[in-house]
Amino acid sequence: RLSCVASGRTFSSRMLGWFRQAPGKEREFVVIQYRNGGGKYLVNYAD
């Protein structure tokens, strides 16, 4: 289990998530949580 402690301002960002980068490879997303204009959350995981 990975943890990420954020500042208050950063924690309120509309997009929050995790990326990873393997040696010699480009950074890729792992999971993203997005808060839309209506305050609903969308979560997308890499396949």
All heavy atoms as atom14 arrays in JSON, in Angstrom:
{
  "sequence": "RLSCVASGRTFSSRMLGWFRQAPGKEREFVVIQYRNGGGKYLVNYAD",
  "atom14_mask": [
    [1, 1, 1, 1, 1, 1, 1, 1, 1, 1, 1, 0, 0, 0],
    [1, 1, 1, 1, 1, 1, 1, 1, 0, 0, 0, 0, 0, 0],
    [1, 1, 1, 1, 1, 1, 0, 0, 0, 0, 0, 0, 0, 0],
    [1, 1, 1, 1, 1, 1, 0, 0, 0, 0, 0, 0, 0, 0],
    [1, 1, 1, 1, 1, 1, 1, 0, 0, 0, 0, 0, 0, 0],
    [1, 1, 1, 1, 1, 0, 0, 0, 0, 0, 0, 0, 0, 0],
    [1, 1, 1, 1, 1, 1, 0, 0, 0, 0, 0, 0, 0, 0],
    [1, 1, 1, 1, 0, 0, 0, 0, 0, 0, 0, 0, 0, 0],
    [1, 1, 1, 1, 1, 1, 1, 1, 1, 1, 1, 0, 0, 0],
    [1, 1, 1, 1, 1, 1, 1, 0, 0, 0, 0, 0, 0, 0],
    [1, 1, 1, 1, 1, 1, 1, 1, 1, 1, 1, 0, 0, 0],
    [1, 1, 1, 1, 1, 1, 0, 0, 0, 0, 0, 0, 0, 0],
    [1, 1, 1, 1, 1, 1, 0, 0, 0, 0, 0, 0, 0, 0],
    [1, 1, 1, 1, 1, 1, 1, 1, 1, 1, 1, 0, 0, 0],
    [1, 1, 1, 1, 1, 1, 1, 1, 0, 0, 0, 0, 0, 0],
    [1, 1, 1, 1, 1, 1, 1, 1, 0, 0, 0, 0, 0, 0],
    [1, 1, 1, 1, 0, 0, 0, 0, 0, 0, 0, 0, 0, 0],
    [1, 1, 1, 1, 1, 1, 1, 1, 1, 1, 1, 1, 1, 1],
    [1, 1, 1, 1, 1, 1, 1, 1, 1, 1, 1, 0, 0, 0],
    [1, 1, 1, 1, 1, 1, 1, 1, 1, 1, 1, 0, 0, 0],
    [1, 1, 1, 1, 1, 1, 1, 1, 1, 0, 0, 0, 0, 0],
    [1, 1, 1, 1, 1, 0, 0, 0, 0, 0, 0, 0, 0, 0],
    [1, 1, 1, 1, 1, 1, 1, 0, 0, 0, 0, 0, 0, 0],
    [1, 1, 1, 1, 0, 0, 0, 0, 0, 0, 0, 0, 0, 0],
    [1, 1, 1, 1, 1, 1, 1, 1, 1, 0, 0, 0, 0, 0],
    [1, 1, 1, 1, 1, 1, 1, 1, 1, 0, 0, 0, 0, 0],
    [1, 1, 1, 1, 1, 1, 1, 1, 1, 1, 1, 0, 0, 0],
    [1, 1, 1, 1, 1, 1, 1, 1, 1, 0, 0, 0, 0, 0],
    [1, 1, 1, 1, 1, 1, 1, 1, 1, 1, 1, 0, 0, 0],
    [1, 1, 1, 1, 1, 1, 1, 0, 0, 0, 0, 0, 0, 0],
    [1, 1, 1, 1, 1, 1, 1, 0, 0, 0, 0, 0, 0, 0],
    [1, 1, 1, 1, 1, 1, 1, 1, 0, 0, 0, 0, 0, 0],
    [1, 1, 1, 1, 1, 1, 1, 1, 1, 0, 0, 0, 0, 0],
    [1, 1, 1, 1, 1, 1, 1, 1, 1, 1, 1, 1, 0, 0],
    [1, 1, 1, 1, 1, 1, 1, 1, 1, 1, 1, 0, 0, 0],
    [1, 1, 1, 1, 1, 1, 1, 1, 0, 0, 0, 0, 0, 0],
    [1, 1, 1, 1, 0, 0, 0, 0, 0, 0, 0, 0, 0, 0],
    [1, 1, 1, 1, 0, 0, 0, 0, 0, 0, 0, 0, 0, 0],
    [1, 1, 1, 1, 0, 0, 0, 0, 0, 0, 0, 0, 0, 0],
    [1, 1, 1, 1, 1, 1, 1, 1, 1, 0, 0, 0, 0, 0],
    [1, 1, 1, 1, 1, 1, 1, 1, 1, 1, 1, 1, 0, 0],
    [1, 1, 1, 1, 1, 1, 1, 1, 0, 0, 0, 0, 0, 0],
    [1, 1, 1, 1, 1, 1, 1, 0, 0, 0, 0, 0, 0, 0],
    [1, 1, 1, 1, 1, 1, 1, 1, 0, 0, 0, 0, 0, 0],
    [1, 1, 1, 1, 1, 1, 1, 1, 1, 1, 1, 1, 0, 0],
    [1, 1, 1, 1, 1, 0, 0, 0, 0, 0, 0, 0, 0, 0],
    [1, 1, 1, 1, 1, 1, 1, 1, 0, 0, 0, 0, 0, 0]
  ],
  "atom14_positions": [
    [[0.84, -1.19, 0.0], [0.0, 0.0, 0.0], [0.87, 1.24, 0.0], [1.68, 1.44, 0.91], [-0.95, 0.03, 1.2], [-1.98, 1.16, 1.11], [-2.93, 1.21, 2.28], [-2.3, 1.74, 3.48], [-2.96, 2.24, 4.53], [-4.29, 2.24, 4.52], [-2.3, 2.7, 5.58], [0.0, 0.0, 0.0], [0.0, 0.0, 0.0], [0.0, 0.0, 0.0]],
    [[0.68, 2.06, -1.0], [1.39, 3.32, -1.1], [0.54, 4.44, -0.51], [-0.68, 4.42, -0.62], [1.72, 3.65, -2.56], [2.47, 2.58, -3.36], [2.78, 3.12, -4.75], [3.74, 2.17, -2.64], [0.0, 0.0, 0.0], [0.0, 0.0, 0.0], [0.0, 0.0, 0.0], [0.0, 0.0, 0.0], [0.0, 0.0, 0.0], [0.0, 0.0, 0.0]],
    [[1.2, 5.39, 0.1], [0.52, 6.54, 0.68], [1.08, 7.81, 0.09], [2.25, 7.87, -0.29], [0.69, 6.57, 2.2], [0.14, 5.42, 2.81], [0.0, 0.0, 0.0], [0.0, 0.0, 0.0], [0.0, 0.0, 0.0], [0.0, 0.0, 0.0], [0.0, 0.0, 0.0], [0.0, 0.0, 0.0], [0.0, 0.0, 0.0], [0.0, 0.0, 0.0]],
    [[0.25, 8.83, 0.03], [0.67, 10.13, -0.47], [-0.01, 11.2, 0.36], [-1.23, 11.37, 0.28], [0.31, 10.27, -1.95], [0.64, 11.9, -2.65], [0.0, 0.0, 0.0], [0.0, 0.0, 0.0], [0.0, 0.0, 0.0], [0.0, 0.0, 0.0], [0.0, 0.0, 0.0], [0.0, 0.0, 0.0], [0.0, 0.0, 0.0], [0.0, 0.0, 0.0]],
    [[0.79, 11.9, 1.14], [0.26, 12.98, 1.96], [0.34, 14.28, 1.18], [1.4, 14.63, 0.65], [1.04, 13.11, 3.28], [0.47, 14.25, 4.12], [0.98, 11.81, 4.07], [0.0, 0.0, 0.0], [0.0, 0.0, 0.0], [0.0, 0.0, 0.0], [0.0, 0.0, 0.0], [0.0, 0.0, 0.0], [0.0, 0.0, 0.0], [0.0, 0.0, 0.0]],
    [[-0.77, 14.99, 1.11], [-0.85, 16.2, 0.31], [-1.14, 17.42, 1.17], [-1.71, 17.33, 2.26], [-1.95, 16.05, -0.74], [0.0, 0.0, 0.0], [0.0, 0.0, 0.0], [0.0, 0.0, 0.0], [0.0, 0.0, 0.0], [0.0, 0.0, 0.0], [0.0, 0.0, 0.0], [0.0, 0.0, 0.0], [0.0, 0.0, 0.0], [0.0, 0.0, 0.0]],
    [[-0.73, 18.56, 0.68], [-1.12, 19.81, 1.31], [-2.61, 20.02, 1.08], [-3.21, 19.4, 0.19], [-0.33, 20.98, 0.72], [-0.71, 21.21, -0.62], [0.0, 0.0, 0.0], [0.0, 0.0, 0.0], [0.0, 0.0, 0.0], [0.0, 0.0, 0.0], [0.0, 0.0, 0.0], [0.0, 0.0, 0.0], [0.0, 0.0, 0.0], [0.0, 0.0, 0.0]],
    [[-3.22, 20.87, 1.87], [-4.64, 21.1, 1.74], [-5.04, 21.58, 0.36], [-6.03, 21.11, -0.21], [0.0, 0.0, 0.0], [0.0, 0.0, 0.0], [0.0, 0.0, 0.0], [0.0, 0.0, 0.0], [0.0, 0.0, 0.0], [0.0, 0.0, 0.0], [0.0, 0.0, 0.0], [0.0, 0.0, 0.0], [0.0, 0.0, 0.0], [0.0, 0.0, 0.0]],
    [[-4.28, 22.52, -0.17], [-4.59, 23.06, -1.49], [-4.46, 21.98, -2.56], [-5.33, 21.85, -3.43], [-3.68, 24.24, -1.81], [-3.89, 24.81, -3.21], [-2.97, 25.99, -3.48], [-3.28, 27.12, -2.62], [-2.64, 28.28, -2.66], [-1.65, 28.46, -3.53], [-2.98, 29.26, -1.83], [0.0, 0.0, 0.0], [0.0, 0.0, 0.0], [0.0, 0.0, 0.0]],
    [[-3.4, 21.22, -2.5], [-3.18, 20.17, -3.48], [-4.21, 19.06, -3.37], [-4.68, 18.52, -4.37], [-1.76, 19.6, -3.33], [-0.8, 20.63, -3.56], [-1.53, 18.47, -4.32], [0.0, 0.0, 0.0], [0.0, 0.0, 0.0], [0.0, 0.0, 0.0], [0.0, 0.0, 0.0], [0.0, 0.0, 0.0], [0.0, 0.0, 0.0], [0.0, 0.0, 0.0]],
    [[-4.6, 18.73, -2.16], [-5.57, 17.67, -1.95], [-6.93, 18.02, -2.55], [-7.71, 17.12, -2.86], [-5.7, 17.38, -0.45], [-6.37, 16.08, -0.13], [-5.72, 14.88, -0.34], [-7.66, 16.06, 0.38], [-6.33, 13.67, -0.05], [-8.28, 14.86, 0.68], [-7.62, 13.66, 0.46], [0.0, 0.0, 0.0], [0.0, 0.0, 0.0], [0.0, 0.0, 0.0]],
    [[-7.21, 19.3, -2.71], [-8.48, 19.73, -3.28], [-8.44, 19.83, -4.8], [-9.43, 20.26, -5.4], [-8.89, 21.07, -2.68], [-8.01, 22.11, -3.08], [0.0, 0.0, 0.0], [0.0, 0.0, 0.0], [0.0, 0.0, 0.0], [0.0, 0.0, 0.0], [0.0, 0.0, 0.0], [0.0, 0.0, 0.0], [0.0, 0.0, 0.0], [0.0, 0.0, 0.0]],
    [[-7.36, 19.43, -5.42], [-7.24, 19.46, -6.88], [-8.31, 18.61, -7.53], [-8.74, 17.59, -6.99], [-5.86, 18.97, -7.31], [-4.83, 19.8, -6.8], [0.0, 0.0, 0.0], [0.0, 0.0, 0.0], [0.0, 0.0, 0.0], [0.0, 0.0, 0.0], [0.0, 0.0, 0.0], [0.0, 0.0, 0.0], [0.0, 0.0, 0.0], [0.0, 0.0, 0.0]],
    [[-8.73, 19.02, -8.73], [-9.77, 18.28, -9.43], [-9.29, 16.91, -9.89], [-10.1, 15.98, -9.99], [-10.28, 19.09, -10.61], [-10.95, 20.39, -10.21], [-11.69, 21.04, -11.36], [-12.89, 20.28, -11.73], [-13.77, 20.68, -12.62], [-13.58, 21.83, -13.26], [-14.82, 19.93, -12.89], [0.0, 0.0, 0.0], [0.0, 0.0, 0.0], [0.0, 0.0, 0.0]],
    [[-8.03, 16.8, -10.18], [-7.46, 15.52, -10.6], [-6.41, 15.07, -9.6], [-5.49, 15.8, -9.27], [-6.84, 15.63, -11.99], [-7.82, 15.98, -13.09], [-7.11, 15.78, -14.75], [-5.81, 17.02, -14.71], [0.0, 0.0, 0.0], [0.0, 0.0, 0.0], [0.0, 0.0, 0.0], [0.0, 0.0, 0.0], [0.0, 0.0, 0.0], [0.0, 0.0, 0.0]],
    [[-6.57, 13.86, -9.13], [-5.63, 13.25, -8.2], [-5.39, 11.82, -8.65], [-6.34, 11.12, -9.03], [-6.17, 13.25, -6.78], [-6.37, 14.61, -6.09], [-7.18, 14.43, -4.82], [-5.01, 15.24, -5.78], [0.0, 0.0, 0.0], [0.0, 0.0, 0.0], [0.0, 0.0, 0.0], [0.0, 0.0, 0.0], [0.0, 0.0, 0.0], [0.0, 0.0, 0.0]],
    [[-4.16, 11.39, -8.59], [-3.93, 10.02, -9.0], [-2.5, 9.57, -8.86], [-1.67, 10.23, -8.23], [0.0, 0.0, 0.0], [0.0, 0.0, 0.0], [0.0, 0.0, 0.0], [0.0, 0.0, 0.0], [0.0, 0.0, 0.0], [0.0, 0.0, 0.0], [0.0, 0.0, 0.0], [0.0, 0.0, 0.0], [0.0, 0.0, 0.0], [0.0, 0.0, 0.0]],
    [[-2.26, 8.42, -9.44], [-0.97, 7.77, -9.37], [-0.44, 7.45, -10.77], [-1.2, 7.0, -11.64], [-1.05, 6.46, -8.58], [-1.36, 6.65, -7.13], [-2.6, 6.74, -6.56], [-0.42, 6.77, -6.06], [-2.5, 6.91, -5.2], [-1.17, 6.93, -4.87], [0.97, 6.76, -5.99], [-0.56, 7.07, -3.63], [1.58, 6.9, -4.76], [0.82, 7.06, -3.6]],
    [[0.83, 7.7, -10.95], [1.55, 7.35, -12.17], [2.73, 6.49, -11.79], [3.11, 6.41, -10.62], [2.04, 8.61, -12.89], [0.96, 9.44, -13.52], [0.13, 10.24, -12.75], [0.76, 9.42, -14.9], [-0.86, 11.01, -13.32], [-0.23, 10.19, -15.49], [-1.04, 10.98, -14.7], [0.0, 0.0, 0.0], [0.0, 0.0, 0.0], [0.0, 0.0, 0.0]],
    [[3.33, 5.86, -12.78], [4.53, 5.1, -12.53], [5.46, 5.19, -13.72], [5.04, 5.42, -14.85], [4.21, 3.63, -12.22], [3.63, 2.84, -13.38], [3.22, 1.45, -12.92], [2.7, 0.65, -14.01], [2.17, -0.56, -13.86], [2.08, -1.1, -12.65], [1.73, -1.23, -14.93], [0.0, 0.0, 0.0], [0.0, 0.0, 0.0], [0.0, 0.0, 0.0]],
    [[6.74, 5.01, -13.45], [7.73, 5.06, -14.51], [8.77, 3.96, -14.27], [9.47, 3.97, -13.26], [8.41, 6.42, -14.56], [9.32, 6.6, -15.75], [9.66, 8.06, -16.0], [9.61, 8.88, -15.09], [9.97, 8.38, -17.24], [0.0, 0.0, 0.0], [0.0, 0.0, 0.0], [0.0, 0.0, 0.0], [0.0, 0.0, 0.0], [0.0, 0.0, 0.0]],
    [[8.83, 3.04, -15.21], [9.8, 1.97, -15.16], [11.09, 2.43, -15.83], [11.07, 3.34, -16.66], [9.25, 0.73, -15.84], [0.0, 0.0, 0.0], [0.0, 0.0, 0.0], [0.0, 0.0, 0.0], [0.0, 0.0, 0.0], [0.0, 0.0, 0.0], [0.0, 0.0, 0.0], [0.0, 0.0, 0.0], [0.0, 0.0, 0.0], [0.0, 0.0, 0.0]],
    [[12.21, 1.81, -15.5], [13.49, 2.2, -16.12], [13.42, 2.15, -17.64], [12.99, 1.15, -18.22], [14.47, 1.17, -15.57], [13.88, 0.75, -14.26], [12.39, 0.74, -14.5], [0.0, 0.0, 0.0], [0.0, 0.0, 0.0], [0.0, 0.0, 0.0], [0.0, 0.0, 0.0], [0.0, 0.0, 0.0], [0.0, 0.0, 0.0], [0.0, 0.0, 0.0]],
    [[13.84, 3.23, -18.28], [13.87, 3.28, -19.72], [12.52, 3.44, -20.39], [12.44, 3.38, -21.63], [0.0, 0.0, 0.0], [0.0, 0.0, 0.0], [0.0, 0.0, 0.0], [0.0, 0.0, 0.0], [0.0, 0.0, 0.0], [0.0, 0.0, 0.0], [0.0, 0.0, 0.0], [0.0, 0.0, 0.0], [0.0, 0.0, 0.0], [0.0, 0.0, 0.0]],
    [[11.48, 3.65, -19.63], [10.15, 3.79, -20.19], [9.53, 5.13, -19.82], [9.97, 5.79, -18.88], [9.24, 2.66, -19.72], [9.7, 1.27, -20.15], [8.71, 0.21, -19.74], [9.18, -1.16, -20.17], [9.28, -1.26, -21.65], [0.0, 0.0, 0.0], [0.0, 0.0, 0.0], [0.0, 0.0, 0.0], [0.0, 0.0, 0.0], [0.0, 0.0, 0.0]],
    [[8.53, 5.52, -20.57], [7.83, 6.77, -20.3], [6.9, 6.62, -19.1], [6.45, 5.52, -18.76], [7.03, 7.21, -21.52], [7.88, 7.56, -22.73], [7.06, 8.11, -23.87], [5.83, 8.29, -23.72], [7.65, 8.36, -24.94], [0.0, 0.0, 0.0], [0.0, 0.0, 0.0], [0.0, 0.0, 0.0], [0.0, 0.0, 0.0], [0.0, 0.0, 0.0]],
    [[6.64, 7.74, -18.47], [5.72, 7.75, -17.35], [4.31, 7.42, -17.84], [3.85, 7.93, -18.86], [5.74, 9.12, -16.68], [5.0, 9.19, -15.36], [5.28, 10.52, -14.67], [6.71, 10.7, -14.41], [7.24, 11.78, -13.85], [6.46, 12.78, -13.48], [8.55, 11.85, -13.66], [0.0, 0.0, 0.0], [0.0, 0.0, 0.0], [0.0, 0.0, 0.0]],
    [[3.61, 6.56, -17.11], [2.27, 6.16, -17.49], [1.33, 6.25, -16.29], [1.75, 6.11, -15.15], [2.27, 4.73, -18.05], [2.7, 3.68, -17.04], [2.68, 2.28, -17.59], [2.39, 2.12, -18.8], [2.96, 1.33, -16.84], [0.0, 0.0, 0.0], [0.0, 0.0, 0.0], [0.0, 0.0, 0.0], [0.0, 0.0, 0.0], [0.0, 0.0, 0.0]],
    [[0.07, 6.46, -16.6], [-0.89, 6.57, -15.51], [-1.23, 5.19, -14.97], [-1.22, 4.19, -15.68], [-2.15, 7.32, -15.97], [-3.28, 6.46, -16.43], [-4.33, 6.17, -15.56], [-3.33, 5.95, -17.7], [-5.4, 5.39, -15.97], [-4.38, 5.17, -18.13], [-5.42, 4.88, -17.26], [0.0, 0.0, 0.0], [0.0, 0.0, 0.0], [0.0, 0.0, 0.0]],
    [[-1.55, 5.17, -13.7], [-1.99, 3.95, -13.03], [-3.48, 4.08, -12.7], [-4.28, 3.22, -13.05], [-1.19, 3.7, -11.75], [-1.72, 2.47, -11.01], [0.29, 3.52, -12.09], [0.0, 0.0, 0.0], [0.0, 0.0, 0.0], [0.0, 0.0, 0.0], [0.0, 0.0, 0.0], [0.0, 0.0, 0.0], [0.0, 0.0, 0.0], [0.0, 0.0, 0.0]],
    [[-3.84, 5.15, -12.02], [-5.23, 5.42, -11.69], [-5.4, 6.92, -11.5], [-4.52, 7.59, -10.96], [-5.68, 4.66, -10.43], [-4.8, 4.99, -9.23], [-7.14, 4.93, -10.11], [0.0, 0.0, 0.0], [0.0, 0.0, 0.0], [0.0, 0.0, 0.0], [0.0, 0.0, 0.0], [0.0, 0.0, 0.0], [0.0, 0.0, 0.0], [0.0, 0.0, 0.0]],
    [[-6.53, 7.43, -11.96], [-6.85, 8.84, -11.84], [-8.25, 9.0, -11.26], [-9.18, 8.32, -11.68], [-6.8, 9.56, -13.2], [-5.41, 9.46, -13.83], [-7.24, 11.02, -13.06], [-4.32, 10.1, -13.02], [0.0, 0.0, 0.0], [0.0, 0.0, 0.0], [0.0, 0.0, 0.0], [0.0, 0.0, 0.0], [0.0, 0.0, 0.0], [0.0, 0.0, 0.0]],
    [[-8.37, 9.9, -10.31], [-9.67, 10.31, -9.81], [-9.91, 11.74, -10.26], [-9.08, 12.62, -10.03], [-9.76, 10.23, -8.3], [-11.14, 10.59, -7.76], [-11.19, 10.7, -6.25], [-10.7, 11.68, -5.68], [-11.75, 9.71, -5.6], [0.0, 0.0, 0.0], [0.0, 0.0, 0.0], [0.0, 0.0, 0.0], [0.0, 0.0, 0.0], [0.0, 0.0, 0.0]],
    [[-11.06, 11.96, -10.9], [-11.41, 13.27, -11.42], [-12.74, 13.72, -10.83], [-13.71, 12.96, -10.83], [-11.5, 13.23, -12.94], [-12.02, 14.48, -13.58], [-11.24, 15.63, -13.65], [-13.29, 14.52, -14.12], [-11.71, 16.78, -14.24], [-13.78, 15.68, -14.72], [-12.98, 16.8, -14.77], [-13.46, 17.94, -15.36], [0.0, 0.0, 0.0], [0.0, 0.0, 0.0]],
    [[-12.78, 14.94, -10.37], [-14.01, 15.53, -9.86], [-14.59, 16.43, -10.94], [-13.97, 17.42, -11.35], [-13.73, 16.32, -8.58], [-14.99, 16.86, -7.92], [-14.68, 17.64, -6.63], [-14.04, 18.91, -6.9], [-12.77, 19.19, -6.67], [-11.98, 18.26, -6.14], [-12.29, 20.39, -6.94], [0.0, 0.0, 0.0], [0.0, 0.0, 0.0], [0.0, 0.0, 0.0]],
    [[-15.79, 16.11, -11.4], [-16.37, 16.89, -12.47], [-17.04, 18.15, -11.92], [-17.03, 18.42, -10.72], [-17.35, 16.06, -13.3], [-18.61, 15.66, -12.55], [-18.96, 16.21, -11.5], [-19.32, 14.67, -13.1], [0.0, 0.0, 0.0], [0.0, 0.0, 0.0], [0.0, 0.0, 0.0], [0.0, 0.0, 0.0], [0.0, 0.0, 0.0], [0.0, 0.0, 0.0]],
    [[-17.62, 18.94, -12.81], [-18.22, 20.2, -12.42], [-19.37, 20.08, -11.45], [-19.66, 21.03, -10.71], [0.0, 0.0, 0.0], [0.0, 0.0, 0.0], [0.0, 0.0, 0.0], [0.0, 0.0, 0.0], [0.0, 0.0, 0.0], [0.0, 0.0, 0.0], [0.0, 0.0, 0.0], [0.0, 0.0, 0.0], [0.0, 0.0, 0.0], [0.0, 0.0, 0.0]],
    [[-20.02, 18.93, -11.43], [-21.12, 18.7, -10.52], [-20.7, 18.11, -9.19], [-21.56, 17.76, -8.37], [0.0, 0.0, 0.0], [0.0, 0.0, 0.0], [0.0, 0.0, 0.0], [0.0, 0.0, 0.0], [0.0, 0.0, 0.0], [0.0, 0.0, 0.0], [0.0, 0.0, 0.0], [0.0, 0.0, 0.0], [0.0, 0.0, 0.0], [0.0, 0.0, 0.0]],
    [[-19.39, 17.97, -9.0], [-18.89, 17.43, -7.75], [-18.86, 15.92, -7.67], [-18.57, 15.35, -6.62], [0.0, 0.0, 0.0], [0.0, 0.0, 0.0], [0.0, 0.0, 0.0], [0.0, 0.0, 0.0], [0.0, 0.0, 0.0], [0.0, 0.0, 0.0], [0.0, 0.0, 0.0], [0.0, 0.0, 0.0], [0.0, 0.0, 0.0], [0.0, 0.0, 0.0]],
    [[-19.14, 15.26, -8.78], [-19.09, 13.81, -8.82], [-17.69, 13.34, -9.17], [-16.95, 14.02, -9.89], [-20.1, 13.27, -9.83], [-21.55, 13.56, -9.48], [-22.5, 12.95, -10.49], [-23.94, 13.2, -10.11], [-24.88, 12.62, -11.1], [0.0, 0.0, 0.0], [0.0, 0.0, 0.0], [0.0, 0.0, 0.0], [0.0, 0.0, 0.0], [0.0, 0.0, 0.0]],
    [[-17.34, 12.17, -8.68], [-16.02, 11.63, -8.89], [-16.02, 10.53, -9.93], [-16.89, 9.66, -9.93], [-15.43, 11.09, -7.59], [-15.1, 12.16, -6.59], [-16.05, 12.6, -5.67], [-13.84, 12.75, -6.58], [-15.75, 13.59, -4.75], [-13.52, 13.74, -5.67], [-14.48, 14.16, -4.76], [-14.17, 15.15, -3.84], [0.0, 0.0, 0.0], [0.0, 0.0, 0.0]],
    [[-15.04, 10.59, -10.8], [-14.81, 9.55, -11.8], [-13.44, 8.96, -11.55], [-12.48, 9.7, -11.33], [-14.89, 10.13, -13.22], [-16.19, 10.83, -13.61], [-16.04, 11.47, -14.98], [-17.34, 9.83, -13.62], [0.0, 0.0, 0.0], [0.0, 0.0, 0.0], [0.0, 0.0, 0.0], [0.0, 0.0, 0.0], [0.0, 0.0, 0.0], [0.0, 0.0, 0.0]],
    [[-13.35, 7.65, -11.61], [-12.07, 6.97, -11.38], [-11.78, 6.09, -12.58], [-12.63, 5.31, -13.02], [-12.09, 6.14, -10.1], [-10.74, 5.45, -9.9], [-12.42, 7.01, -8.9], [0.0, 0.0, 0.0], [0.0, 0.0, 0.0], [0.0, 0.0, 0.0], [0.0, 0.0, 0.0], [0.0, 0.0, 0.0], [0.0, 0.0, 0.0], [0.0, 0.0, 0.0]],
    [[-10.58, 6.2, -13.07], [-10.15, 5.41, -14.22], [-8.84, 4.7, -13.91], [-7.88, 5.33, -13.49], [-9.98, 6.31, -15.45], [-9.6, 5.54, -16.69], [-8.45, 5.56, -17.11], [-10.58, 4.86, -17.27], [0.0, 0.0, 0.0], [0.0, 0.0, 0.0], [0.0, 0.0, 0.0], [0.0, 0.0, 0.0], [0.0, 0.0, 0.0], [0.0, 0.0, 0.0]],
    [[-8.84, 3.39, -14.1], [-7.65, 2.59, -13.89], [-7.04, 2.16, -15.21], [-7.76, 1.88, -16.18], [-7.98, 1.31, -13.11], [-8.42, 1.52, -11.68], [-9.75, 1.72, -11.36], [-7.49, 1.5, -10.64], [-10.16, 1.89, -10.04], [-7.88, 1.67, -9.33], [-9.22, 1.87, -9.03], [-9.61, 2.04, -7.72], [0.0, 0.0, 0.0], [0.0, 0.0, 0.0]],
    [[-5.74, 2.08, -15.25], [-5.07, 1.5, -16.4], [-5.48, 0.04, -16.52], [-5.67, -0.65, -15.51], [-3.56, 1.62, -16.26], [0.0, 0.0, 0.0], [0.0, 0.0, 0.0], [0.0, 0.0, 0.0], [0.0, 0.0, 0.0], [0.0, 0.0, 0.0], [0.0, 0.0, 0.0], [0.0, 0.0, 0.0], [0.0, 0.0, 0.0], [0.0, 0.0, 0.0]],
    [[-5.61, -0.43, -17.75], [-6.01, -1.82, -17.97], [-5.08, -2.8, -17.27], [-5.52, -3.85, -16.79], [-6.06, -2.13, -19.46], [-7.21, -1.45, -20.17], [-8.17, -1.04, -19.5], [-7.14, -1.33, -21.41], [0.0, 0.0, 0.0], [0.0, 0.0, 0.0], [0.0, 0.0, 0.0], [0.0, 0.0, 0.0], [0.0, 0.0, 0.0], [0.0, 0.0, 0.0]]
  ]
}
